[in-house]
Structure formats: C-alpha cells, structure tokens
Amino acid sequence: MKATVRHQMTEGVTAYEEKPREQWLFDYPAQVALTCTQIWWTTEVGIAFSRLEEGYENAMKEYYKKQVAQLKTLITMLIGQLSKGDRQKIMTICTIDVHARDVVAKMIAQKVDNAQAFLWLSQLRHRWDDEAKHCFANICDAQFLYSYEYLGNTPRLVITPLTDRSVSQTALLLLGLGYSVGV
C-alpha cells in the first residue's frame, strides 16, 4: 500500500504543472492530491521568495492573488455536481488552501522577504526531493520523511493559531525529548 501511495505521489508531483490544477486534482486519489498541493505551495512560496530577492517587490502579492483565484475556482467547483469523494477531496484542499493563503497574507503584512524568516520556517512545509523521490515534511529545523501510509479521503481540521503551537512540540521531538500537552 505504501509503495502505491509513493508511486502515485511521484506521478502527481511531476504532473502538477501539466494541466490546470482544477483538472489535475481529479487524476489522483485525495491523499496524493492534498499532499502534492502542499508540496507545490511550498515550492511556489519558495519561487516568490527568490523573485523578491531578485528585486521583484510584488512577487509575494502576485502569488497571493494566484492563491485567491485557486480558492475561488475550487469553491465554484463545490457548487457544481461532484461525487461524494470528489466533494470531500475538494473541501479538504480548500481547508488547507485557506490556511496557506492566510500564511502568505501574514508574510505580506509583516513584510517577510526571505525564506529564512521564522514565520515561514515555522510552517509545516511539504517538500519533494527529486533525487530521492521522497516527500519530506519540514517545520523549523525538523525534517521528517513522509511515511506514505494510507490516510483515505477524510476531512481535515481547520488550522488555527493553536494548531500552529505544534512548532514547539515538533522541536522537542526533534531533540528526542518528547513532550507533554499542558493544561
């Protein structure tokens, strides 16, 4: 099962740019589509940072506009006829996309101009390594290999500032110290 998910992920990441996103997402299972959109979010924010460093001052703002357009497209799709599975997949991607849009908006508001800023590094960032053909999840200094275990087509929780507190817990795991959830 893990080999199948990994194979699909490899194909999904590669094919993402070959057709419009709203068509591409129907080609892959929900877990693959969701993870690949997160990988590409990380990639596209990285591209925006590179463009900022090259002197293009509106790079992040333009990427934000792209995110808003992508969300509008997904919302329009939800109004139409969809299978139960496709509706769930699109709603889940919308949930993650809203958080991603909010992160970019916050970086714009705080004038974050490089990829080493804590506001960016403290986000859960999925990254695809072409050489290793693996997905990695990064947050701060921690890096975890994506396990490819089958998750199914399930809804995701809304991401809140409380969810973002997991940064400190992740750092503790990285250091091998474990953690206890406070009251």
N, C-alpha and C. Protein backbone atom coordinates (compact mmCIF):
# COMPACT_ATOMS: atom_id res chain seq x y z
N MET A 1 0.83 -1.20 0.00
CA MET A 1 0.00 0.00 0.00
C MET A 1 0.87 1.26 0.00
N LYS A 2 1.92 1.27 0.85
CA LYS A 2 2.80 2.43 0.91
C LYS A 2 3.50 2.66 -0.42
N ALA A 3 3.90 1.59 -1.07
CA ALA A 3 4.58 1.71 -2.37
C ALA A 3 3.65 2.35 -3.40
N THR A 4 2.37 2.00 -3.34
CA THR A 4 1.39 2.56 -4.27
C THR A 4 1.20 4.05 -4.02
N VAL A 5 1.07 4.44 -2.76
CA VAL A 5 0.90 5.86 -2.42
C VAL A 5 2.13 6.64 -2.87
N ARG A 6 3.32 6.10 -2.62
CA ARG A 6 4.56 6.78 -3.01
C ARG A 6 4.64 6.91 -4.53
N HIS A 7 4.28 5.85 -5.25
CA HIS A 7 4.30 5.89 -6.72
C HIS A 7 3.34 6.97 -7.23
N GLN A 8 2.13 7.00 -6.68
CA GLN A 8 1.15 8.00 -7.09
C GLN A 8 1.64 9.41 -6.77
N MET A 9 2.30 9.57 -5.62
CA MET A 9 2.84 10.87 -5.23
C MET A 9 3.90 11.33 -6.22
N THR A 10 4.77 10.42 -6.62
CA THR A 10 5.81 10.74 -7.60
C THR A 10 5.19 11.24 -8.89
N GLU A 11 4.17 10.54 -9.36
CA GLU A 11 3.48 10.94 -10.60
C GLU A 11 2.75 12.27 -10.41
N GLY A 12 2.07 12.42 -9.28
CA GLY A 12 1.28 13.63 -9.03
C GLY A 12 2.12 14.89 -8.96
N VAL A 13 3.25 14.82 -8.29
CA VAL A 13 4.14 15.98 -8.19
C VAL A 13 4.64 16.38 -9.56
N THR A 14 5.02 15.41 -10.36
CA THR A 14 5.55 15.67 -11.70
C THR A 14 4.47 16.24 -12.62
N ALA A 15 3.26 15.72 -12.53
CA ALA A 15 2.18 16.11 -13.45
C ALA A 15 1.47 17.40 -13.06
N TYR A 16 1.74 17.93 -11.89
CA TYR A 16 1.01 19.09 -11.36
C TYR A 16 0.95 20.27 -12.33
N GLU A 17 2.04 20.52 -13.01
CA GLU A 17 2.10 21.69 -13.90
C GLU A 17 1.63 21.39 -15.32
N GLU A 18 1.26 20.15 -15.60
CA GLU A 18 0.91 19.77 -16.97
C GLU A 18 -0.50 20.18 -17.39
N LYS A 19 -1.35 20.45 -16.44
CA LYS A 19 -2.72 20.88 -16.75
C LYS A 19 -3.22 21.76 -15.63
N PRO A 20 -4.32 22.46 -15.84
CA PRO A 20 -4.84 23.30 -14.76
C PRO A 20 -5.10 22.49 -13.48
N ARG A 21 -4.82 23.10 -12.36
CA ARG A 21 -4.94 22.43 -11.06
C ARG A 21 -6.32 21.81 -10.85
N GLU A 22 -7.36 22.54 -11.27
CA GLU A 22 -8.73 22.05 -11.06
C GLU A 22 -9.04 20.82 -11.91
N GLN A 23 -8.27 20.55 -12.93
CA GLN A 23 -8.41 19.31 -13.70
C GLN A 23 -7.48 18.24 -13.14
N TRP A 24 -6.26 18.66 -12.81
CA TRP A 24 -5.24 17.74 -12.29
C TRP A 24 -5.73 16.99 -11.06
N LEU A 25 -6.43 17.66 -10.16
CA LEU A 25 -6.80 17.02 -8.88
C LEU A 25 -7.75 15.83 -9.05
N PHE A 26 -8.42 15.73 -10.19
CA PHE A 26 -9.29 14.58 -10.44
C PHE A 26 -8.50 13.34 -10.89
N ASP A 27 -7.24 13.54 -11.24
CA ASP A 27 -6.40 12.44 -11.72
C ASP A 27 -5.78 11.60 -10.61
N TYR A 28 -5.89 12.07 -9.36
CA TYR A 28 -5.19 11.41 -8.26
C TYR A 28 -6.09 11.22 -7.05
N PRO A 29 -5.78 10.20 -6.26
CA PRO A 29 -6.55 10.00 -5.02
C PRO A 29 -6.40 11.21 -4.10
N ALA A 30 -7.34 11.37 -3.19
CA ALA A 30 -7.38 12.54 -2.32
C ALA A 30 -6.08 12.78 -1.56
N GLN A 31 -5.54 11.75 -0.95
CA GLN A 31 -4.31 11.90 -0.17
C GLN A 31 -3.17 12.42 -1.03
N VAL A 32 -3.05 11.90 -2.22
CA VAL A 32 -1.99 12.33 -3.14
C VAL A 32 -2.23 13.76 -3.60
N ALA A 33 -3.46 14.07 -3.98
CA ALA A 33 -3.78 15.43 -4.44
C ALA A 33 -3.52 16.45 -3.33
N LEU A 34 -3.93 16.14 -2.12
CA LEU A 34 -3.73 17.06 -1.00
C LEU A 34 -2.24 17.27 -0.72
N THR A 35 -1.50 16.19 -0.63
CA THR A 35 -0.07 16.31 -0.32
C THR A 35 0.68 17.03 -1.44
N CYS A 36 0.34 16.71 -2.67
CA CYS A 36 1.01 17.38 -3.80
C CYS A 36 0.69 18.88 -3.84
N THR A 37 -0.54 19.26 -3.50
CA THR A 37 -0.84 20.69 -3.46
C THR A 37 -0.02 21.37 -2.36
N GLN A 38 0.22 20.67 -1.26
CA GLN A 38 1.04 21.24 -0.19
C GLN A 38 2.51 21.33 -0.62
N ILE A 39 2.97 20.33 -1.35
CA ILE A 39 4.34 20.36 -1.88
C ILE A 39 4.49 21.56 -2.81
N TRP A 40 3.52 21.74 -3.69
CA TRP A 40 3.60 22.84 -4.65
C TRP A 40 3.42 24.20 -3.99
N TRP A 41 2.66 24.27 -2.91
CA TRP A 41 2.56 25.53 -2.15
C TRP A 41 3.95 25.91 -1.64
N THR A 42 4.64 24.96 -1.03
CA THR A 42 6.00 25.21 -0.54
C THR A 42 6.90 25.66 -1.68
N THR A 43 6.82 24.98 -2.81
CA THR A 43 7.63 25.31 -3.98
C THR A 43 7.33 26.71 -4.48
N GLU A 44 6.05 27.03 -4.61
CA GLU A 44 5.66 28.33 -5.17
C GLU A 44 5.98 29.48 -4.23
N VAL A 45 5.87 29.27 -2.93
CA VAL A 45 6.29 30.31 -1.99
C VAL A 45 7.81 30.50 -2.11
N GLY A 46 8.54 29.40 -2.26
CA GLY A 46 9.99 29.49 -2.47
C GLY A 46 10.33 30.29 -3.71
N ILE A 47 9.57 30.08 -4.77
CA ILE A 47 9.78 30.84 -6.01
C ILE A 47 9.50 32.32 -5.77
N ALA A 48 8.43 32.61 -5.03
CA ALA A 48 8.11 34.01 -4.71
C ALA A 48 9.24 34.65 -3.91
N PHE A 49 9.80 33.93 -2.95
CA PHE A 49 10.94 34.45 -2.19
C PHE A 49 12.13 34.72 -3.12
N SER A 50 12.40 33.81 -4.04
CA SER A 50 13.51 34.00 -4.98
C SER A 50 13.29 35.25 -5.82
N ARG A 51 12.07 35.45 -6.26
CA ARG A 51 11.75 36.63 -7.06
C ARG A 51 11.90 37.91 -6.24
N LEU A 52 11.51 37.85 -4.95
CA LEU A 52 11.70 39.01 -4.06
C LEU A 52 13.19 39.36 -3.97
N GLU A 53 14.02 38.33 -3.80
CA GLU A 53 15.46 38.54 -3.68
C GLU A 53 16.06 39.10 -4.97
N GLU A 54 15.41 38.82 -6.10
CA GLU A 54 15.87 39.35 -7.39
C GLU A 54 15.40 40.78 -7.61
N GLY A 55 14.63 41.31 -6.66
CA GLY A 55 14.18 42.69 -6.75
C GLY A 55 12.74 42.88 -7.20
N TYR A 56 12.03 41.79 -7.44
CA TYR A 56 10.64 41.91 -7.85
C TYR A 56 9.77 42.06 -6.60
N GLU A 57 9.46 43.30 -6.24
CA GLU A 57 8.82 43.63 -4.96
C GLU A 57 7.41 43.06 -4.78
N ASN A 58 6.71 42.79 -5.86
CA ASN A 58 5.33 42.32 -5.76
C ASN A 58 5.19 40.81 -5.90
N ALA A 59 6.27 40.08 -5.83
CA ALA A 59 6.24 38.63 -6.07
C ALA A 59 5.28 37.92 -5.11
N MET A 60 5.36 38.22 -3.84
CA MET A 60 4.50 37.53 -2.87
C MET A 60 3.05 37.97 -3.03
N LYS A 61 2.84 39.23 -3.33
CA LYS A 61 1.48 39.73 -3.55
C LYS A 61 0.85 39.06 -4.78
N GLU A 62 1.64 38.87 -5.81
CA GLU A 62 1.12 38.20 -7.00
C GLU A 62 0.81 36.73 -6.71
N TYR A 63 1.65 36.10 -5.91
CA TYR A 63 1.36 34.72 -5.54
C TYR A 63 0.08 34.65 -4.70
N TYR A 64 -0.11 35.61 -3.83
CA TYR A 64 -1.34 35.68 -3.03
C TYR A 64 -2.56 35.76 -3.95
N LYS A 65 -2.48 36.58 -4.98
CA LYS A 65 -3.59 36.70 -5.94
C LYS A 65 -3.87 35.36 -6.62
N LYS A 66 -2.80 34.63 -6.94
CA LYS A 66 -2.97 33.30 -7.54
C LYS A 66 -3.70 32.38 -6.57
N GLN A 67 -3.32 32.44 -5.28
CA GLN A 67 -3.98 31.61 -4.28
C GLN A 67 -5.47 31.92 -4.19
N VAL A 68 -5.81 33.19 -4.17
CA VAL A 68 -7.22 33.59 -4.09
C VAL A 68 -7.98 33.07 -5.31
N ALA A 69 -7.39 33.18 -6.48
CA ALA A 69 -8.03 32.68 -7.71
C ALA A 69 -8.22 31.16 -7.64
N GLN A 70 -7.22 30.43 -7.12
CA GLN A 70 -7.34 28.98 -6.98
C GLN A 70 -8.48 28.63 -6.02
N LEU A 71 -8.58 29.35 -4.93
CA LEU A 71 -9.66 29.09 -3.97
C LEU A 71 -11.03 29.36 -4.59
N LYS A 72 -11.14 30.46 -5.32
CA LYS A 72 -12.41 30.78 -5.98
C LYS A 72 -12.81 29.67 -6.95
N THR A 73 -11.84 29.15 -7.68
CA THR A 73 -12.11 28.06 -8.62
C THR A 73 -12.63 26.83 -7.88
N LEU A 74 -11.97 26.47 -6.78
CA LEU A 74 -12.40 25.29 -6.01
C LEU A 74 -13.80 25.49 -5.44
N ILE A 75 -14.09 26.68 -4.95
CA ILE A 75 -15.41 26.96 -4.38
C ILE A 75 -16.48 26.87 -5.46
N THR A 76 -16.17 27.37 -6.65
CA THR A 76 -17.10 27.25 -7.77
C THR A 76 -17.35 25.78 -8.10
N MET A 77 -16.30 24.98 -8.03
CA MET A 77 -16.45 23.54 -8.31
C MET A 77 -17.36 22.88 -7.28
N LEU A 78 -17.28 23.32 -6.03
CA LEU A 78 -18.11 22.73 -4.97
C LEU A 78 -19.60 22.99 -5.20
N ILE A 79 -19.91 24.06 -5.90
CA ILE A 79 -21.31 24.39 -6.19
C ILE A 79 -21.88 23.43 -7.23
N GLY A 80 -21.03 22.89 -8.08
CA GLY A 80 -21.47 22.01 -9.17
C GLY A 80 -21.70 20.58 -8.73
N GLN A 81 -21.92 19.73 -9.72
CA GLN A 81 -22.15 18.30 -9.49
C GLN A 81 -20.82 17.59 -9.27
N LEU A 82 -20.69 16.96 -8.13
CA LEU A 82 -19.48 16.19 -7.80
C LEU A 82 -19.88 14.91 -7.10
N SER A 83 -19.05 13.90 -7.25
CA SER A 83 -19.26 12.69 -6.46
C SER A 83 -18.95 13.03 -5.00
N LYS A 84 -19.41 12.18 -4.10
CA LYS A 84 -19.17 12.40 -2.67
C LYS A 84 -17.66 12.46 -2.39
N GLY A 85 -16.90 11.56 -3.01
CA GLY A 85 -15.46 11.53 -2.80
C GLY A 85 -14.76 12.76 -3.33
N ASP A 86 -15.15 13.20 -4.54
CA ASP A 86 -14.53 14.40 -5.12
C ASP A 86 -14.89 15.64 -4.30
N ARG A 87 -16.13 15.72 -3.83
CA ARG A 87 -16.54 16.85 -2.99
C ARG A 87 -15.69 16.91 -1.72
N GLN A 88 -15.49 15.75 -1.08
CA GLN A 88 -14.69 15.70 0.14
C GLN A 88 -13.24 16.11 -0.15
N LYS A 89 -12.70 15.62 -1.26
CA LYS A 89 -11.33 15.95 -1.64
C LYS A 89 -11.17 17.46 -1.83
N ILE A 90 -12.10 18.06 -2.55
CA ILE A 90 -12.01 19.50 -2.84
C ILE A 90 -12.22 20.31 -1.56
N MET A 91 -13.14 19.90 -0.70
CA MET A 91 -13.34 20.62 0.56
C MET A 91 -12.08 20.56 1.43
N THR A 92 -11.42 19.42 1.43
CA THR A 92 -10.20 19.27 2.22
C THR A 92 -9.09 20.15 1.65
N ILE A 93 -8.95 20.17 0.34
CA ILE A 93 -7.94 21.03 -0.28
C ILE A 93 -8.27 22.50 0.00
N CYS A 94 -9.55 22.86 -0.02
CA CYS A 94 -9.95 24.24 0.32
C CYS A 94 -9.51 24.60 1.74
N THR A 95 -9.72 23.68 2.68
CA THR A 95 -9.33 23.94 4.07
C THR A 95 -7.84 24.24 4.18
N ILE A 96 -7.03 23.42 3.53
CA ILE A 96 -5.58 23.62 3.57
C ILE A 96 -5.19 24.88 2.79
N ASP A 97 -5.86 25.13 1.67
CA ASP A 97 -5.55 26.32 0.86
C ASP A 97 -5.88 27.61 1.61
N VAL A 98 -6.94 27.61 2.40
CA VAL A 98 -7.28 28.81 3.18
C VAL A 98 -6.16 29.11 4.16
N HIS A 99 -5.67 28.08 4.84
CA HIS A 99 -4.55 28.30 5.76
C HIS A 99 -3.32 28.80 5.01
N ALA A 100 -3.02 28.19 3.87
CA ALA A 100 -1.86 28.60 3.07
C ALA A 100 -2.00 30.06 2.63
N ARG A 101 -3.19 30.44 2.21
CA ARG A 101 -3.44 31.83 1.81
C ARG A 101 -3.22 32.77 2.99
N ASP A 102 -3.72 32.37 4.17
CA ASP A 102 -3.56 33.20 5.37
C ASP A 102 -2.09 33.36 5.76
N VAL A 103 -1.31 32.30 5.60
CA VAL A 103 0.13 32.38 5.89
C VAL A 103 0.79 33.39 4.96
N VAL A 104 0.48 33.31 3.68
CA VAL A 104 1.07 34.25 2.72
C VAL A 104 0.62 35.67 3.03
N ALA A 105 -0.65 35.86 3.37
CA ALA A 105 -1.15 37.20 3.72
C ALA A 105 -0.40 37.75 4.93
N LYS A 106 -0.14 36.90 5.91
CA LYS A 106 0.58 37.33 7.11
C LYS A 106 2.03 37.70 6.76
N MET A 107 2.64 36.93 5.87
CA MET A 107 4.01 37.25 5.46
C MET A 107 4.06 38.58 4.71
N ILE A 108 3.04 38.85 3.91
CA ILE A 108 2.96 40.14 3.20
C ILE A 108 2.80 41.27 4.21
N ALA A 109 1.87 41.09 5.16
CA ALA A 109 1.60 42.13 6.16
C ALA A 109 2.83 42.42 7.02
N GLN A 110 3.61 41.38 7.32
CA GLN A 110 4.80 41.56 8.15
C GLN A 110 6.06 41.82 7.32
N LYS A 111 5.87 41.99 6.02
CA LYS A 111 6.96 42.30 5.10
C LYS A 111 8.11 41.28 5.16
N VAL A 112 7.74 40.01 5.25
CA VAL A 112 8.74 38.94 5.24
C VAL A 112 9.30 38.87 3.82
N ASP A 113 10.63 38.93 3.73
CA ASP A 113 11.23 39.00 2.39
C ASP A 113 12.26 37.91 2.10
N ASN A 114 12.38 36.92 2.99
CA ASN A 114 13.29 35.83 2.68
C ASN A 114 12.83 34.53 3.32
N ALA A 115 13.26 33.44 2.73
CA ALA A 115 12.80 32.11 3.13
C ALA A 115 13.37 31.65 4.47
N GLN A 116 14.25 32.43 5.08
CA GLN A 116 14.81 32.06 6.38
C GLN A 116 14.08 32.72 7.54
N ALA A 117 13.02 33.46 7.25
CA ALA A 117 12.24 34.12 8.30
C ALA A 117 11.49 33.06 9.12
N PHE A 118 11.44 33.28 10.43
CA PHE A 118 10.80 32.31 11.32
C PHE A 118 9.33 32.09 10.95
N LEU A 119 8.64 33.15 10.54
CA LEU A 119 7.23 33.00 10.17
C LEU A 119 7.06 31.95 9.08
N TRP A 120 7.98 31.88 8.15
CA TRP A 120 7.92 30.88 7.09
C TRP A 120 8.44 29.53 7.59
N LEU A 121 9.59 29.53 8.25
CA LEU A 121 10.18 28.27 8.70
C LEU A 121 9.30 27.55 9.71
N SER A 122 8.48 28.28 10.44
CA SER A 122 7.63 27.66 11.46
C SER A 122 6.37 27.02 10.89
N GLN A 123 6.20 27.11 9.58
CA GLN A 123 5.05 26.48 8.92
C GLN A 123 5.39 25.03 8.58
N LEU A 124 4.37 24.19 8.58
CA LEU A 124 4.56 22.82 8.10
C LEU A 124 4.68 22.89 6.58
N ARG A 125 5.86 22.54 6.09
CA ARG A 125 6.15 22.66 4.66
C ARG A 125 6.47 21.28 4.11
N HIS A 126 5.67 20.86 3.14
CA HIS A 126 5.96 19.59 2.46
C HIS A 126 6.89 19.89 1.29
N ARG A 127 7.87 19.04 1.11
CA ARG A 127 8.89 19.26 0.10
C ARG A 127 9.14 17.94 -0.63
N TRP A 128 9.28 18.02 -1.94
CA TRP A 128 9.58 16.84 -2.73
C TRP A 128 11.06 16.86 -3.11
N ASP A 129 11.75 15.77 -2.86
CA ASP A 129 13.16 15.64 -3.24
C ASP A 129 13.20 14.79 -4.51
N ASP A 130 13.51 15.42 -5.64
CA ASP A 130 13.52 14.72 -6.94
C ASP A 130 14.55 13.60 -6.97
N GLU A 131 15.69 13.84 -6.37
CA GLU A 131 16.76 12.84 -6.40
C GLU A 131 16.37 11.59 -5.61
N ALA A 132 15.86 11.79 -4.41
CA ALA A 132 15.48 10.66 -3.55
C ALA A 132 14.10 10.12 -3.90
N LYS A 133 13.32 10.88 -4.66
CA LYS A 133 11.93 10.52 -4.98
C LYS A 133 11.13 10.29 -3.69
N HIS A 134 11.29 11.25 -2.77
CA HIS A 134 10.59 11.18 -1.49
C HIS A 134 10.02 12.54 -1.12
N CYS A 135 8.94 12.49 -0.35
CA CYS A 135 8.35 13.68 0.24
C CYS A 135 8.88 13.81 1.67
N PHE A 136 9.19 15.04 2.04
CA PHE A 136 9.62 15.34 3.40
C PHE A 136 8.71 16.41 3.97
N ALA A 137 8.45 16.32 5.26
CA ALA A 137 7.71 17.36 5.97
C ALA A 137 8.72 18.12 6.82
N ASN A 138 8.77 19.42 6.64
CA ASN A 138 9.70 20.26 7.38
C ASN A 138 8.94 21.26 8.23
N ILE A 139 9.46 21.51 9.42
CA ILE A 139 8.96 22.58 10.27
C ILE A 139 10.13 23.01 11.15
N CYS A 140 10.45 24.28 11.10
CA CYS A 140 11.65 24.81 11.76
C CYS A 140 12.86 24.00 11.30
N ASP A 141 13.64 23.48 12.24
CA ASP A 141 14.82 22.70 11.88
C ASP A 141 14.53 21.22 11.71
N ALA A 142 13.31 20.82 11.97
CA ALA A 142 12.95 19.40 11.92
C ALA A 142 12.58 18.99 10.50
N GLN A 143 12.99 17.79 10.14
CA GLN A 143 12.62 17.21 8.86
C GLN A 143 12.22 15.76 9.09
N PHE A 144 11.04 15.41 8.56
CA PHE A 144 10.53 14.06 8.72
C PHE A 144 10.21 13.49 7.34
N LEU A 145 10.59 12.25 7.12
CA LEU A 145 10.25 11.56 5.89
C LEU A 145 8.76 11.25 5.91
N TYR A 146 8.07 11.58 4.83
CA TYR A 146 6.66 11.25 4.71
C TYR A 146 6.54 9.73 4.68
N SER A 147 5.63 9.17 5.45
CA SER A 147 5.57 7.71 5.62
C SER A 147 4.74 6.99 4.56
N TYR A 148 3.94 7.71 3.81
CA TYR A 148 3.11 7.15 2.74
C TYR A 148 2.06 6.17 3.24
N GLU A 149 1.74 6.20 4.52
CA GLU A 149 0.68 5.32 5.00
C GLU A 149 -0.65 5.84 4.46
N TYR A 150 -1.54 4.92 4.15
CA TYR A 150 -2.81 5.29 3.55
C TYR A 150 -3.67 6.02 4.57
N LEU A 151 -4.14 7.21 4.22
CA LEU A 151 -4.96 8.02 5.12
C LEU A 151 -6.41 8.08 4.69
N GLY A 152 -6.68 7.75 3.45
CA GLY A 152 -8.05 7.81 2.97
C GLY A 152 -8.47 9.23 2.60
N ASN A 153 -9.74 9.37 2.29
CA ASN A 153 -10.30 10.65 1.88
C ASN A 153 -11.11 11.20 3.04
N THR A 154 -10.43 11.79 3.98
CA THR A 154 -11.09 12.27 5.20
C THR A 154 -10.98 13.78 5.31
N PRO A 155 -11.90 14.40 6.05
CA PRO A 155 -11.81 15.85 6.24
C PRO A 155 -10.61 16.20 7.12
N ARG A 156 -10.12 17.41 6.98
CA ARG A 156 -9.03 17.90 7.81
C ARG A 156 -9.57 18.94 8.78
N LEU A 157 -8.93 19.05 9.91
CA LEU A 157 -9.30 20.08 10.87
C LEU A 157 -8.91 21.44 10.32
N VAL A 158 -9.65 22.45 10.72
CA VAL A 158 -9.28 23.81 10.38
C VAL A 158 -8.00 24.13 11.14
N ILE A 159 -7.08 24.80 10.51
CA ILE A 159 -5.80 25.13 11.14
C ILE A 159 -5.93 26.49 11.81
N THR A 160 -5.65 26.52 13.10
CA THR A 160 -5.79 27.73 13.90
C THR A 160 -4.44 28.09 14.52
N PRO A 161 -4.34 29.25 15.18
CA PRO A 161 -3.09 29.56 15.89
C PRO A 161 -2.73 28.50 16.93
N LEU A 162 -3.73 27.87 17.52
CA LEU A 162 -3.45 26.80 18.48
C LEU A 162 -2.77 25.62 17.78
N THR A 163 -3.23 25.32 16.58
CA THR A 163 -2.59 24.26 15.80
C THR A 163 -1.13 24.61 15.54
N ASP A 164 -0.89 25.88 15.25
CA ASP A 164 0.47 26.32 14.95
C ASP A 164 1.41 26.19 16.15
N ARG A 165 0.87 26.05 17.34
CA ARG A 165 1.72 25.87 18.52
C ARG A 165 2.48 24.55 18.48
N SER A 166 2.09 23.70 17.59
CA SER A 166 2.78 22.41 17.48
C SER A 166 4.25 22.57 17.11
N VAL A 167 4.64 23.78 16.73
CA VAL A 167 6.04 24.04 16.39
C VAL A 167 6.94 23.66 17.55
N SER A 168 6.61 24.11 18.75
CA SER A 168 7.47 23.81 19.90
C SER A 168 7.47 22.31 20.20
N GLN A 169 6.34 21.66 20.01
CA GLN A 169 6.27 20.22 20.24
C GLN A 169 7.13 19.47 19.23
N THR A 170 7.13 19.95 18.00
CA THR A 170 7.95 19.32 16.97
C THR A 170 9.44 19.48 17.29
N ALA A 171 9.81 20.66 17.77
CA ALA A 171 11.21 20.89 18.15
C ALA A 171 11.63 19.93 19.26
N LEU A 172 10.74 19.69 20.21
CA LEU A 172 11.05 18.75 21.29
C LEU A 172 11.22 17.33 20.74
N LEU A 173 10.37 16.95 19.80
CA LEU A 173 10.51 15.63 19.18
C LEU A 173 11.84 15.52 18.45
N LEU A 174 12.21 16.58 17.75
CA LEU A 174 13.47 16.59 17.02
C LEU A 174 14.65 16.36 17.96
N LEU A 175 14.57 16.96 19.14
CA LEU A 175 15.64 16.83 20.12
C LEU A 175 15.57 15.52 20.90
N GLY A 176 14.52 14.73 20.62
CA GLY A 176 14.36 13.46 21.31
C GLY A 176 13.91 13.60 22.75
N LEU A 177 13.29 14.74 23.08
CA LEU A 177 12.88 14.99 24.46
C LEU A 177 11.41 14.65 24.73
N GLY A 178 10.64 14.37 23.67
CA GLY A 178 9.21 14.13 23.86
C GLY A 178 8.54 15.41 24.32
N TYR A 179 7.27 15.32 24.67
CA TYR A 179 6.58 16.50 25.18
C TYR A 179 5.32 16.08 25.90
N SER A 180 4.81 17.00 26.68
CA SER A 180 3.55 16.80 27.40
C SER A 180 2.65 17.96 27.05
N VAL A 181 1.41 17.67 26.71
CA VAL A 181 0.46 18.72 26.38
C VAL A 181 0.03 19.39 27.67
N GLY A 182 0.26 20.70 27.79
CA GLY A 182 -0.09 21.45 29.00
C GLY A 182 -1.58 21.68 29.12
N VAL A 183 -2.00 21.98 30.31
CA VAL A 183 -3.41 22.23 30.56
C VAL A 183 -3.71 23.69 30.40
